[in-house]
Amino acid sequence: MKTITLFITLMLAGCSVTYTTESFVYQDDKPEKELNIGKIQMELVEAEISAVVNTVSLSTQDGIELRGVKLINKNALVNIVFFSANGMKISSSSKILNKFSLLPANVIWFDYRGMGISDKNDKLSVKNLQLDGLSVFDFSKNEFPKNLPVLIHGLSMGSIIASYVANNRETDALILDGAISTIPQLVENAAPTWSKLFYSINLSTELSKINNMELIKKYNKPLLLLIGENDSTTPVENSKALLDLSPSEAKVLAIIPKTEHGETMKKDKGIRAYQDFINNLVCCTSE
């Protein structure tokens, strides 16, 4: 994540640095020309996964073109709208689609605006990202098979977008993976203890107000929290706090042993915990 490396900048910049959404959220200088969809399909073939992947696109309210991928698995039990981590682009992280295929699931995943193959605007705001999240969800609902539950999965920074969308749209379940509680807490976790003697970090009002805990208080549908035992970016305590706040009667905290931030779906135990959650969800929704 970008937050892991921002402290090098701080050391060079002096005693105090203020971060805005534009400087905090990863942005490419310009969009990638195109996605190598053939490479992604070959990764599925090599893993002996019988799924088909295609490119998708949509236009936002302010005229930005977002682009992404749609994975369709003939054996899918659920549909998943995936919101990735800060700086996690489809072009460099496409193998996570193989992991989703193991669940098995259909997936739609868009690069955020200003990242990967999606267009960039002159100004970026949290509101932009939230509205984009709603657009992606609405688009996905129309693209997915209608007979399967629709889940929202947010990884790291994507957990904030996922929770926002889940509170503003009808969905069947929410998965928070390496969940952020608040941005100030995220920055606090990422800063080495010794470094706090030499500089301070100031966040813009917009970033300071991001609070996943308040969103989870309002979400009462099935909830899965995936977290790595060794995650220092969004520690296990964060996910435990979110679990305690959730009013859901079907909530699960899966702590994956010997796992760092953003690595839960690379581990067999992470996939099994996800599969167990889906099996329980499908069983209950089909009754």
C-alpha atoms as a PDB file:
ATOM      1  CA  MET A   1       0.000   0.000   0.000  1.00  0.00           C
ATOM      2  CA  LYS A   2       0.993   3.566  -0.556  1.00  0.00           C
ATOM      3  CA  THR A   3       0.623   4.280   3.157  1.00  0.00           C
ATOM      4  CA  ILE A   4       3.482   1.894   3.924  1.00  0.00           C
ATOM      5  CA  THR A   5       5.972   4.007   1.981  1.00  0.00           C
ATOM      6  CA  LEU A   6       4.698   7.499   2.702  1.00  0.00           C
ATOM      7  CA  PHE A   7       6.975   7.791   5.726  1.00  0.00           C
ATOM      8  CA  ILE A   8      10.083   7.980   3.555  1.00  0.00           C
ATOM      9  CA  THR A   9       8.539  11.115   2.086  1.00  0.00           C
ATOM     10  CA  LEU A  10       7.886  12.441   5.564  1.00  0.00           C
ATOM     11  CA  MET A  11      11.494  12.061   6.613  1.00  0.00           C
ATOM     12  CA  LEU A  12      12.598  14.077   3.599  1.00  0.00           C
ATOM     13  CA  ALA A  13       9.875  16.678   3.924  1.00  0.00           C
ATOM     14  CA  GLY A  14      10.444  17.851   7.487  1.00  0.00           C
ATOM     15  CA  CYS A  15       8.524  17.872  10.745  1.00  0.00           C
ATOM     16  CA  SER A  16       4.945  17.980   9.498  1.00  0.00           C
ATOM     17  CA  VAL A  17       3.141  16.869   6.349  1.00  0.00           C
ATOM     18  CA  THR A  18      -0.509  17.264   5.376  1.00  0.00           C
ATOM     19  CA  TYR A  19      -2.154  14.577   3.235  1.00  0.00           C
ATOM     20  CA  THR A  20      -5.165  15.101   1.018  1.00  0.00           C
ATOM     21  CA  THR A  21      -7.172  12.465  -0.833  1.00  0.00           C
ATOM     22  CA  GLU A  22      -5.198  13.233  -4.005  1.00  0.00           C
ATOM     23  CA  SER A  23      -1.842  12.634  -2.337  1.00  0.00           C
ATOM     24  CA  PHE A  24      -2.987   9.716  -0.174  1.00  0.00           C
ATOM     25  CA  VAL A  25      -4.780   7.596  -2.793  1.00  0.00           C
ATOM     26  CA  TYR A  26      -2.505   6.128  -5.476  1.00  0.00           C
ATOM     27  CA  GLN A  27      -2.786   7.753  -8.896  1.00  0.00           C
ATOM     28  CA  ASP A  28      -0.976   6.908 -12.147  1.00  0.00           C
ATOM     29  CA  ASP A  29       0.380   9.750 -14.264  1.00  0.00           C
ATOM     30  CA  LYS A  30      -1.826   8.529 -17.113  1.00  0.00           C
ATOM     31  CA  PRO A  31      -4.063   5.506 -17.794  1.00  0.00           C
ATOM     32  CA  GLU A  32      -2.602   2.263 -19.072  1.00  0.00           C
ATOM     33  CA  LYS A  33      -3.353   1.857 -22.777  1.00  0.00           C
ATOM     34  CA  GLU A  34      -5.120  -1.475 -22.509  1.00  0.00           C
ATOM     35  CA  LEU A  35      -5.447  -4.606 -20.413  1.00  0.00           C
ATOM     36  CA  ASN A  36      -3.813  -7.823 -21.589  1.00  0.00           C
ATOM     37  CA  ILE A  37      -6.970  -9.909 -21.251  1.00  0.00           C
ATOM     38  CA  GLY A  38      -5.317 -12.820 -23.078  1.00  0.00           C
ATOM     39  CA  LYS A  39      -2.689 -13.060 -20.334  1.00  0.00           C
ATOM     40  CA  ILE A  40      -5.366 -13.123 -17.619  1.00  0.00           C
ATOM     41  CA  GLN A  41      -7.318 -15.816 -19.447  1.00  0.00           C
ATOM     42  CA  MET A  42      -4.130 -17.861 -19.844  1.00  0.00           C
ATOM     43  CA  GLU A  43      -3.478 -17.616 -16.094  1.00  0.00           C
ATOM     44  CA  LEU A  44      -6.886 -19.212 -15.538  1.00  0.00           C
ATOM     45  CA  VAL A  45      -6.210 -21.928 -18.113  1.00  0.00           C
ATOM     46  CA  GLU A  46      -2.819 -22.732 -16.607  1.00  0.00           C
ATOM     47  CA  ALA A  47      -4.485 -23.073 -13.201  1.00  0.00           C
ATOM     48  CA  GLU A  48      -7.031 -25.445 -14.793  1.00  0.00           C
ATOM     49  CA  ILE A  49      -9.899 -23.079 -14.004  1.00  0.00           C
ATOM     50  CA  SER A  50     -12.820 -23.202 -16.439  1.00  0.00           C
ATOM     51  CA  ALA A  51     -13.813 -19.540 -16.204  1.00  0.00           C
ATOM     52  CA  VAL A  52     -14.062 -16.831 -18.842  1.00  0.00           C
ATOM     53  CA  VAL A  53     -12.820 -13.276 -18.358  1.00  0.00           C
ATOM     54  CA  ASN A  54     -13.772 -10.190 -20.403  1.00  0.00           C
ATOM     55  CA  THR A  55     -13.226  -6.452 -20.185  1.00  0.00           C
ATOM     56  CA  VAL A  56     -16.031  -4.137 -19.045  1.00  0.00           C
ATOM     57  CA  SER A  57     -16.440  -0.374 -18.840  1.00  0.00           C
ATOM     58  CA  LEU A  58     -18.836   2.273 -17.572  1.00  0.00           C
ATOM     59  CA  SER A  59     -19.153   6.072 -17.594  1.00  0.00           C
ATOM     60  CA  THR A  60     -19.447   7.889 -14.275  1.00  0.00           C
ATOM     61  CA  GLN A  61     -21.720  10.838 -13.489  1.00  0.00           C
ATOM     62  CA  ASP A  62     -18.870  13.289 -14.113  1.00  0.00           C
ATOM     63  CA  GLY A  63     -17.833  11.701 -17.417  1.00  0.00           C
ATOM     64  CA  ILE A  64     -14.932   9.511 -16.306  1.00  0.00           C
ATOM     65  CA  GLU A  65     -14.567   6.135 -18.019  1.00  0.00           C
ATOM     66  CA  LEU A  66     -13.927   3.315 -15.575  1.00  0.00           C
ATOM     67  CA  ARG A  67     -12.649   0.017 -16.936  1.00  0.00           C
ATOM     68  CA  GLY A  68     -12.342  -3.415 -15.442  1.00  0.00           C
ATOM     69  CA  VAL A  69     -12.880  -7.144 -15.822  1.00  0.00           C
ATOM     70  CA  LYS A  70     -15.769  -9.574 -15.496  1.00  0.00           C
ATOM     71  CA  LEU A  71     -15.030 -13.185 -14.553  1.00  0.00           C
ATOM     72  CA  ILE A  72     -17.787 -15.731 -15.157  1.00  0.00           C
ATOM     73  CA  ASN A  73     -17.462 -19.196 -13.629  1.00  0.00           C
ATOM     74  CA  LYS A  74     -20.034 -21.769 -14.756  1.00  0.00           C
ATOM     75  CA  ASN A  75     -20.006 -23.361 -11.279  1.00  0.00           C
ATOM     76  CA  ALA A  76     -20.315 -20.081  -9.371  1.00  0.00           C
ATOM     77  CA  LEU A  77     -22.299 -20.038  -6.140  1.00  0.00           C
ATOM     78  CA  VAL A  78     -22.215 -16.247  -5.723  1.00  0.00           C
ATOM     79  CA  ASN A  79     -21.528 -12.981  -7.540  1.00  0.00           C
ATOM     80  CA  ILE A  80     -18.812 -10.741  -6.044  1.00  0.00           C
ATOM     81  CA  VAL A  81     -18.214  -7.027  -6.624  1.00  0.00           C
ATOM     82  CA  PHE A  82     -14.559  -6.505  -5.678  1.00  0.00           C
ATOM     83  CA  PHE A  83     -13.039  -3.236  -4.458  1.00  0.00           C
ATOM     84  CA  SER A  84      -9.265  -3.580  -4.330  1.00  0.00           C
ATOM     85  CA  ALA A  85      -6.521  -2.071  -2.172  1.00  0.00           C
ATOM     86  CA  ASN A  86      -4.840   1.293  -2.707  1.00  0.00           C
ATOM     87  CA  GLY A  87      -2.577   0.957  -5.757  1.00  0.00           C
ATOM     88  CA  MET A  88      -3.727  -2.594  -6.539  1.00  0.00           C
ATOM     89  CA  LYS A  89      -4.235  -2.653 -10.305  1.00  0.00           C
ATOM     90  CA  ILE A  90      -5.813  -5.371 -12.427  1.00  0.00           C
ATOM     91  CA  SER A  91      -2.788  -5.473 -14.732  1.00  0.00           C
ATOM     92  CA  SER A  92      -0.376  -6.404 -11.917  1.00  0.00           C
ATOM     93  CA  SER A  93      -2.687  -8.278  -9.521  1.00  0.00           C
ATOM     94  CA  SER A  94      -4.925 -10.289 -11.854  1.00  0.00           C
ATOM     95  CA  LYS A  95      -4.023 -13.641 -10.280  1.00  0.00           C
ATOM     96  CA  ILE A  96      -6.404 -12.903  -7.417  1.00  0.00           C
ATOM     97  CA  LEU A  97      -9.121 -13.811  -9.929  1.00  0.00           C
ATOM     98  CA  ASN A  98      -7.832 -17.396  -9.765  1.00  0.00           C
ATOM     99  CA  LYS A  99      -8.466 -17.348  -6.017  1.00  0.00           C
ATOM    100  CA  PHE A 100     -12.018 -16.047  -6.441  1.00  0.00           C
ATOM    101  CA  SER A 101     -12.595 -18.862  -8.936  1.00  0.00           C
ATOM    102  CA  LEU A 102     -11.819 -21.409  -6.214  1.00  0.00           C
ATOM    103  CA  LEU A 103     -14.768 -20.261  -4.092  1.00  0.00           C
ATOM    104  CA  PRO A 104     -16.285 -20.534  -6.800  1.00  0.00           C
ATOM    105  CA  ALA A 105     -17.607 -17.082  -7.736  1.00  0.00           C
ATOM    106  CA  ASN A 106     -18.319 -14.678 -10.551  1.00  0.00           C
ATOM    107  CA  VAL A 107     -16.399 -11.414 -10.098  1.00  0.00           C
ATOM    108  CA  ILE A 108     -16.502  -7.868 -11.417  1.00  0.00           C
ATOM    109  CA  TRP A 109     -13.523  -5.660 -10.592  1.00  0.00           C
ATOM    110  CA  PHE A 110     -12.861  -2.122 -11.831  1.00  0.00           C
ATOM    111  CA  ASP A 111      -9.647  -0.148 -11.494  1.00  0.00           C
ATOM    112  CA  TYR A 112     -10.287   3.019  -9.467  1.00  0.00           C
ATOM    113  CA  ARG A 113     -10.317   6.314 -11.344  1.00  0.00           C
ATOM    114  CA  GLY A 114      -6.793   7.525 -12.004  1.00  0.00           C
ATOM    115  CA  MET A 115      -5.401   4.021 -11.644  1.00  0.00           C
ATOM    116  CA  GLY A 116      -4.590   1.268 -14.119  1.00  0.00           C
ATOM    117  CA  ILE A 117      -6.859   1.266 -17.166  1.00  0.00           C
ATOM    118  CA  SER A 118      -9.434   3.727 -15.775  1.00  0.00           C
ATOM    119  CA  ASP A 119      -9.439   7.402 -16.758  1.00  0.00           C
ATOM    120  CA  LYS A 120      -8.142  10.171 -14.523  1.00  0.00           C
ATOM    121  CA  ASN A 121      -9.721  13.478 -13.542  1.00  0.00           C
ATOM    122  CA  ASP A 122      -7.906  16.632 -12.470  1.00  0.00           C
ATOM    123  CA  LYS A 123      -9.240  16.366  -8.921  1.00  0.00           C
ATOM    124  CA  LEU A 124      -9.869  13.330  -6.729  1.00  0.00           C
ATOM    125  CA  SER A 125     -12.145  13.220  -3.700  1.00  0.00           C
ATOM    126  CA  VAL A 126     -13.542  10.593  -1.356  1.00  0.00           C
ATOM    127  CA  LYS A 127     -16.993  11.463  -2.701  1.00  0.00           C
ATOM    128  CA  ASN A 128     -15.774  10.607  -6.237  1.00  0.00           C
ATOM    129  CA  LEU A 129     -14.668   7.171  -5.053  1.00  0.00           C
ATOM    130  CA  GLN A 130     -17.890   6.553  -3.157  1.00  0.00           C
ATOM    131  CA  LEU A 131     -20.088   7.502  -6.123  1.00  0.00           C
ATOM    132  CA  ASP A 132     -17.901   5.380  -8.414  1.00  0.00           C
ATOM    133  CA  GLY A 133     -18.452   2.480  -6.028  1.00  0.00           C
ATOM    134  CA  LEU A 134     -22.216   2.856  -6.345  1.00  0.00           C
ATOM    135  CA  SER A 135     -21.924   3.019 -10.147  1.00  0.00           C
ATOM    136  CA  VAL A 136     -19.787  -0.123 -10.208  1.00  0.00           C
ATOM    137  CA  PHE A 137     -22.285  -1.977  -8.025  1.00  0.00           C
ATOM    138  CA  ASP A 138     -25.295  -0.904 -10.125  1.00  0.00           C
ATOM    139  CA  PHE A 139     -23.462  -1.915 -13.298  1.00  0.00           C
ATOM    140  CA  SER A 140     -22.500  -5.276 -11.809  1.00  0.00           C
ATOM    141  CA  LYS A 141     -26.050  -6.106 -10.723  1.00  0.00           C
ATOM    142  CA  ASN A 142     -27.132  -5.833 -14.357  1.00  0.00           C
ATOM    143  CA  GLU A 143     -24.193  -7.893 -15.625  1.00  0.00           C
ATOM    144  CA  PHE A 144     -24.286 -10.787 -13.174  1.00  0.00           C
ATOM    145  CA  PRO A 145     -26.548 -13.860 -13.373  1.00  0.00           C
ATOM    146  CA  LYS A 146     -29.751 -12.912 -11.548  1.00  0.00           C
ATOM    147  CA  ASN A 147     -30.183 -16.199  -9.669  1.00  0.00           C
ATOM    148  CA  LEU A 148     -27.126 -15.854  -7.390  1.00  0.00           C
ATOM    149  CA  PRO A 149     -26.498 -13.822  -4.208  1.00  0.00           C
ATOM    150  CA  VAL A 150     -24.490 -10.615  -4.693  1.00  0.00           C
ATOM    151  CA  LEU A 151     -21.611 -10.006  -2.274  1.00  0.00           C
ATOM    152  CA  ILE A 152     -19.367  -6.969  -1.877  1.00  0.00           C
ATOM    153  CA  HIS A 153     -15.695  -7.605  -1.075  1.00  0.00           C
ATOM    154  CA  GLY A 154     -13.414  -4.765   0.003  1.00  0.00           C
ATOM    155  CA  LEU A 155      -9.665  -5.268   0.479  1.00  0.00           C
ATOM    156  CA  SER A 156      -7.796  -2.728   2.630  1.00  0.00           C
ATOM    157  CA  MET A 157      -8.746   0.705   1.209  1.00  0.00           C
ATOM    158  CA  GLY A 158     -11.497  -1.083  -0.685  1.00  0.00           C
ATOM    159  CA  SER A 159     -13.072  -1.986   2.674  1.00  0.00           C
ATOM    160  CA  ILE A 160     -14.099   1.652   3.084  1.00  0.00           C
ATOM    161  CA  ILE A 161     -15.728   1.782  -0.350  1.00  0.00           C
ATOM    162  CA  ALA A 162     -17.343  -1.635   0.169  1.00  0.00           C
ATOM    163  CA  SER A 163     -18.945  -0.622   3.467  1.00  0.00           C
ATOM    164  CA  TYR A 164     -20.249   2.598   1.957  1.00  0.00           C
ATOM    165  CA  VAL A 165     -21.818   0.761  -0.988  1.00  0.00           C
ATOM    166  CA  ALA A 166     -23.272  -1.932   1.285  1.00  0.00           C
ATOM    167  CA  ASN A 167     -25.035   0.768   3.304  1.00  0.00           C
ATOM    168  CA  ASN A 168     -26.486   2.402   0.206  1.00  0.00           C
ATOM    169  CA  ARG A 169     -27.479  -0.598  -1.902  1.00  0.00           C
ATOM    170  CA  GLU A 170     -29.268  -3.910  -1.363  1.00  0.00           C
ATOM    171  CA  THR A 171     -26.692  -6.667  -1.131  1.00  0.00           C
ATOM    172  CA  ASP A 172     -26.620 -10.179   0.318  1.00  0.00           C
ATOM    173  CA  ALA A 173     -23.336 -10.051   2.245  1.00  0.00           C
ATOM    174  CA  LEU A 174     -20.222  -7.980   2.910  1.00  0.00           C
ATOM    175  CA  ILE A 175     -16.617  -9.181   3.101  1.00  0.00           C
ATOM    176  CA  LEU A 176     -14.038  -6.877   4.668  1.00  0.00           C
ATOM    177  CA  ASP A 177     -10.489  -8.094   4.054  1.00  0.00           C
ATOM    178  CA  GLY A 178      -7.727  -6.350   6.008  1.00  0.00           C
ATOM    179  CA  ALA A 179     -10.361  -3.825   7.031  1.00  0.00           C
ATOM    180  CA  ILE A 180      -9.548  -0.200   7.803  1.00  0.00           C
ATOM    181  CA  SER A 181     -11.306   1.212  10.868  1.00  0.00           C
ATOM    182  CA  THR A 182     -10.468   4.890  10.309  1.00  0.00           C
ATOM    183  CA  ILE A 183      -7.836   6.650   8.190  1.00  0.00           C
ATOM    184  CA  PRO A 184      -6.224   8.314  11.234  1.00  0.00           C
ATOM    185  CA  GLN A 185      -5.869   4.860  12.832  1.00  0.00           C
ATOM    186  CA  LEU A 186      -4.414   3.460   9.597  1.00  0.00           C
ATOM    187  CA  VAL A 187      -1.754   6.182   9.541  1.00  0.00           C
ATOM    188  CA  GLU A 188      -1.029   5.632  13.235  1.00  0.00           C
ATOM    189  CA  ASN A 189      -0.509   1.898  12.632  1.00  0.00           C
ATOM    190  CA  ALA A 190       1.801   2.482   9.681  1.00  0.00           C
ATOM    191  CA  ALA A 191       4.121   4.943  11.434  1.00  0.00           C
ATOM    192  CA  PRO A 192       7.139   3.426  13.205  1.00  0.00           C
ATOM    193  CA  THR A 193       7.070   4.334  16.905  1.00  0.00           C
ATOM    194  CA  TRP A 194      10.493   5.970  16.818  1.00  0.00           C
ATOM    195  CA  SER A 195       9.521   8.195  13.886  1.00  0.00           C
ATOM    196  CA  LYS A 196       6.804   9.977  15.861  1.00  0.00           C
ATOM    197  CA  LEU A 197       9.532  11.808  17.779  1.00  0.00           C
ATOM    198  CA  PHE A 198      10.671  13.570  14.606  1.00  0.00           C
ATOM    199  CA  TYR A 199       7.577  14.435  12.552  1.00  0.00           C
ATOM    200  CA  SER A 200       3.793  14.564  12.553  1.00  0.00           C
ATOM    201  CA  ILE A 201       1.151  13.753   9.961  1.00  0.00           C
ATOM    202  CA  ASN A 202      -1.847  15.979   9.319  1.00  0.00           C
ATOM    203  CA  LEU A 203      -4.809  14.650   7.361  1.00  0.00           C
ATOM    204  CA  SER A 204      -7.270  16.722   5.374  1.00  0.00           C
ATOM    205  CA  THR A 205     -10.751  17.075   6.835  1.00  0.00           C
ATOM    206  CA  GLU A 206     -12.089  14.696   4.174  1.00  0.00           C
ATOM    207  CA  LEU A 207      -9.642  11.914   5.089  1.00  0.00           C
ATOM    208  CA  SER A 208     -10.026  12.474   8.817  1.00  0.00           C
ATOM    209  CA  LYS A 209     -13.780  11.912   8.583  1.00  0.00           C
ATOM    210  CA  ILE A 210     -13.520   8.442   6.994  1.00  0.00           C
ATOM    211  CA  ASN A 211     -14.863   6.075   9.619  1.00  0.00           C
ATOM    212  CA  ASN A 212     -15.610   2.476   8.744  1.00  0.00           C
ATOM    213  CA  MET A 213     -16.775   1.820  12.287  1.00  0.00           C
ATOM    214  CA  GLU A 214     -19.762   4.119  11.859  1.00  0.00           C
ATOM    215  CA  LEU A 215     -20.680   2.359   8.608  1.00  0.00           C
ATOM    216  CA  ILE A 216     -20.482  -1.111  10.157  1.00  0.00           C
ATOM    217  CA  LYS A 217     -22.778  -0.022  13.000  1.00  0.00           C
ATOM    218  CA  LYS A 218     -25.516   0.345  10.374  1.00  0.00           C
ATOM    219  CA  TYR A 219     -24.901  -2.879   8.456  1.00  0.00           C
ATOM    220  CA  ASN A 220     -26.987  -5.817   9.705  1.00  0.00           C
ATOM    221  CA  LYS A 221     -26.618  -8.399   6.940  1.00  0.00           C
ATOM    222  CA  PRO A 222     -24.091 -11.295   6.804  1.00  0.00           C
ATOM    223  CA  LEU A 223     -20.541 -10.089   7.388  1.00  0.00           C
ATOM    224  CA  LEU A 224     -17.180 -11.821   6.972  1.00  0.00           C
ATOM    225  CA  LEU A 225     -14.017 -10.210   8.322  1.00  0.00           C
ATOM    226  CA  LEU A 226     -10.811 -11.711   6.888  1.00  0.00           C
ATOM    227  CA  ILE A 227      -7.596 -10.650   8.604  1.00  0.00           C
ATOM    228  CA  GLY A 228      -3.998 -11.857   8.727  1.00  0.00           C
ATOM    229  CA  GLU A 229      -2.612 -12.790  12.126  1.00  0.00           C
ATOM    230  CA  ASN A 230       0.559 -10.773  11.409  1.00  0.00           C
ATOM    231  CA  ASP A 231      -1.134  -7.771   9.800  1.00  0.00           C
ATOM    232  CA  SER A 232       0.496  -4.629  11.211  1.00  0.00           C
ATOM    233  CA  THR A 233      -1.186  -2.236   8.760  1.00  0.00           C
ATOM    234  CA  THR A 234      -4.732  -3.089   9.835  1.00  0.00           C
ATOM    235  CA  PRO A 235      -4.164  -5.209  12.973  1.00  0.00           C
ATOM    236  CA  VAL A 236      -6.455  -7.988  14.165  1.00  0.00           C
ATOM    237  CA  GLU A 237      -7.736  -5.643  16.904  1.00  0.00           C
ATOM    238  CA  ASN A 238      -9.283  -3.417  14.211  1.00  0.00           C
ATOM    239  CA  SER A 239     -11.323  -6.292  12.806  1.00  0.00           C
ATOM    240  CA  LYS A 240     -12.335  -7.423  16.286  1.00  0.00           C
ATOM    241  CA  ALA A 241     -13.634  -3.925  17.010  1.00  0.00           C
ATOM    242  CA  LEU A 242     -15.628  -3.910  13.761  1.00  0.00           C
ATOM    243  CA  LEU A 243     -17.037  -7.351  14.589  1.00  0.00           C
ATOM    244  CA  ASP A 244     -18.171  -6.155  18.016  1.00  0.00           C
ATOM    245  CA  LEU A 245     -19.884  -3.112  16.501  1.00  0.00           C
ATOM    246  CA  SER A 246     -21.728  -5.046  13.807  1.00  0.00           C
ATOM    247  CA  PRO A 247     -25.441  -5.700  14.511  1.00  0.00           C
ATOM    248  CA  SER A 248     -25.398  -8.641  12.083  1.00  0.00           C
ATOM    249  CA  GLU A 249     -26.675 -11.964  13.372  1.00  0.00           C
ATOM    250  CA  ALA A 250     -24.463 -13.764  10.831  1.00  0.00           C
ATOM    251  CA  LYS A 251     -20.988 -12.336  11.375  1.00  0.00           C
ATOM    252  CA  VAL A 252     -17.678 -14.200  11.209  1.00  0.00           C
ATOM    253  CA  LEU A 253     -14.118 -13.175  12.049  1.00  0.00           C
ATOM    254  CA  ALA A 254     -11.517 -15.368  10.294  1.00  0.00           C
ATOM    255  CA  ILE A 255      -7.956 -14.779  11.532  1.00  0.00           C
ATOM    256  CA  ILE A 256      -5.541 -16.387   9.086  1.00  0.00           C
ATOM    257  CA  PRO A 257      -2.338 -17.633  10.795  1.00  0.00           C
ATOM    258  CA  LYS A 258       1.121 -16.423   9.712  1.00  0.00           C
ATOM    259  CA  THR A 259      -0.387 -13.955   7.237  1.00  0.00           C
ATOM    260  CA  GLU A 260       0.495 -10.327   6.485  1.00  0.00           C
ATOM    261  CA  HIS A 261      -1.688  -7.480   5.237  1.00  0.00           C
ATOM    262  CA  GLY A 262      -3.474  -8.185   1.958  1.00  0.00           C
ATOM    263  CA  GLU A 263      -2.360 -11.823   1.880  1.00  0.00           C
ATOM    264  CA  THR A 264      -5.439 -13.649   3.220  1.00  0.00           C
ATOM    265  CA  MET A 265      -6.643 -14.954  -0.142  1.00  0.00           C
ATOM    266  CA  LYS A 266      -3.207 -16.327  -0.938  1.00  0.00           C
ATOM    267  CA  LYS A 267      -3.582 -18.798   1.920  1.00  0.00           C
ATOM    268  CA  ASP A 268      -5.582 -22.043   1.830  1.00  0.00           C
ATOM    269  CA  LYS A 269      -7.084 -21.255   5.243  1.00  0.00           C
ATOM    270  CA  GLY A 270      -8.291 -17.909   3.936  1.00  0.00           C
ATOM    271  CA  ILE A 271      -9.992 -19.539   0.962  1.00  0.00           C
ATOM    272  CA  ARG A 272     -11.567 -22.198   3.194  1.00  0.00           C
ATOM    273  CA  ALA A 273     -12.939 -19.573   5.589  1.00  0.00           C
ATOM    274  CA  TYR A 274     -14.407 -17.723   2.608  1.00  0.00           C
ATOM    275  CA  GLN A 275     -15.914 -20.946   1.228  1.00  0.00           C
ATOM    276  CA  ASP A 276     -17.474 -21.814   4.595  1.00  0.00           C
ATOM    277  CA  PHE A 277     -19.044 -18.354   4.769  1.00  0.00           C
ATOM    278  CA  ILE A 278     -20.444 -18.697   1.238  1.00  0.00           C
ATOM    279  CA  ASN A 279     -21.773 -22.206   1.908  1.00  0.00           C
ATOM    280  CA  ASN A 280     -23.645 -20.966   4.985  1.00  0.00           C
ATOM    281  CA  LEU A 281     -24.956 -17.979   3.068  1.00  0.00           C
ATOM    282  CA  VAL A 282     -26.170 -20.024   0.111  1.00  0.00           C
ATOM    283  CA  CYS A 283     -27.753 -22.583   2.425  1.00  0.00           C
ATOM    284  CA  CYS A 284     -29.693 -19.901   4.298  1.00  0.00           C
ATOM    285  CA  THR A 285     -30.774 -17.861   1.276  1.00  0.00           C
ATOM    286  CA  SER A 286     -32.007 -20.949  -0.577  1.00  0.00           C
ATOM    287  CA  GLU A 287     -34.336 -22.088   2.220  1.00  0.00           C
END
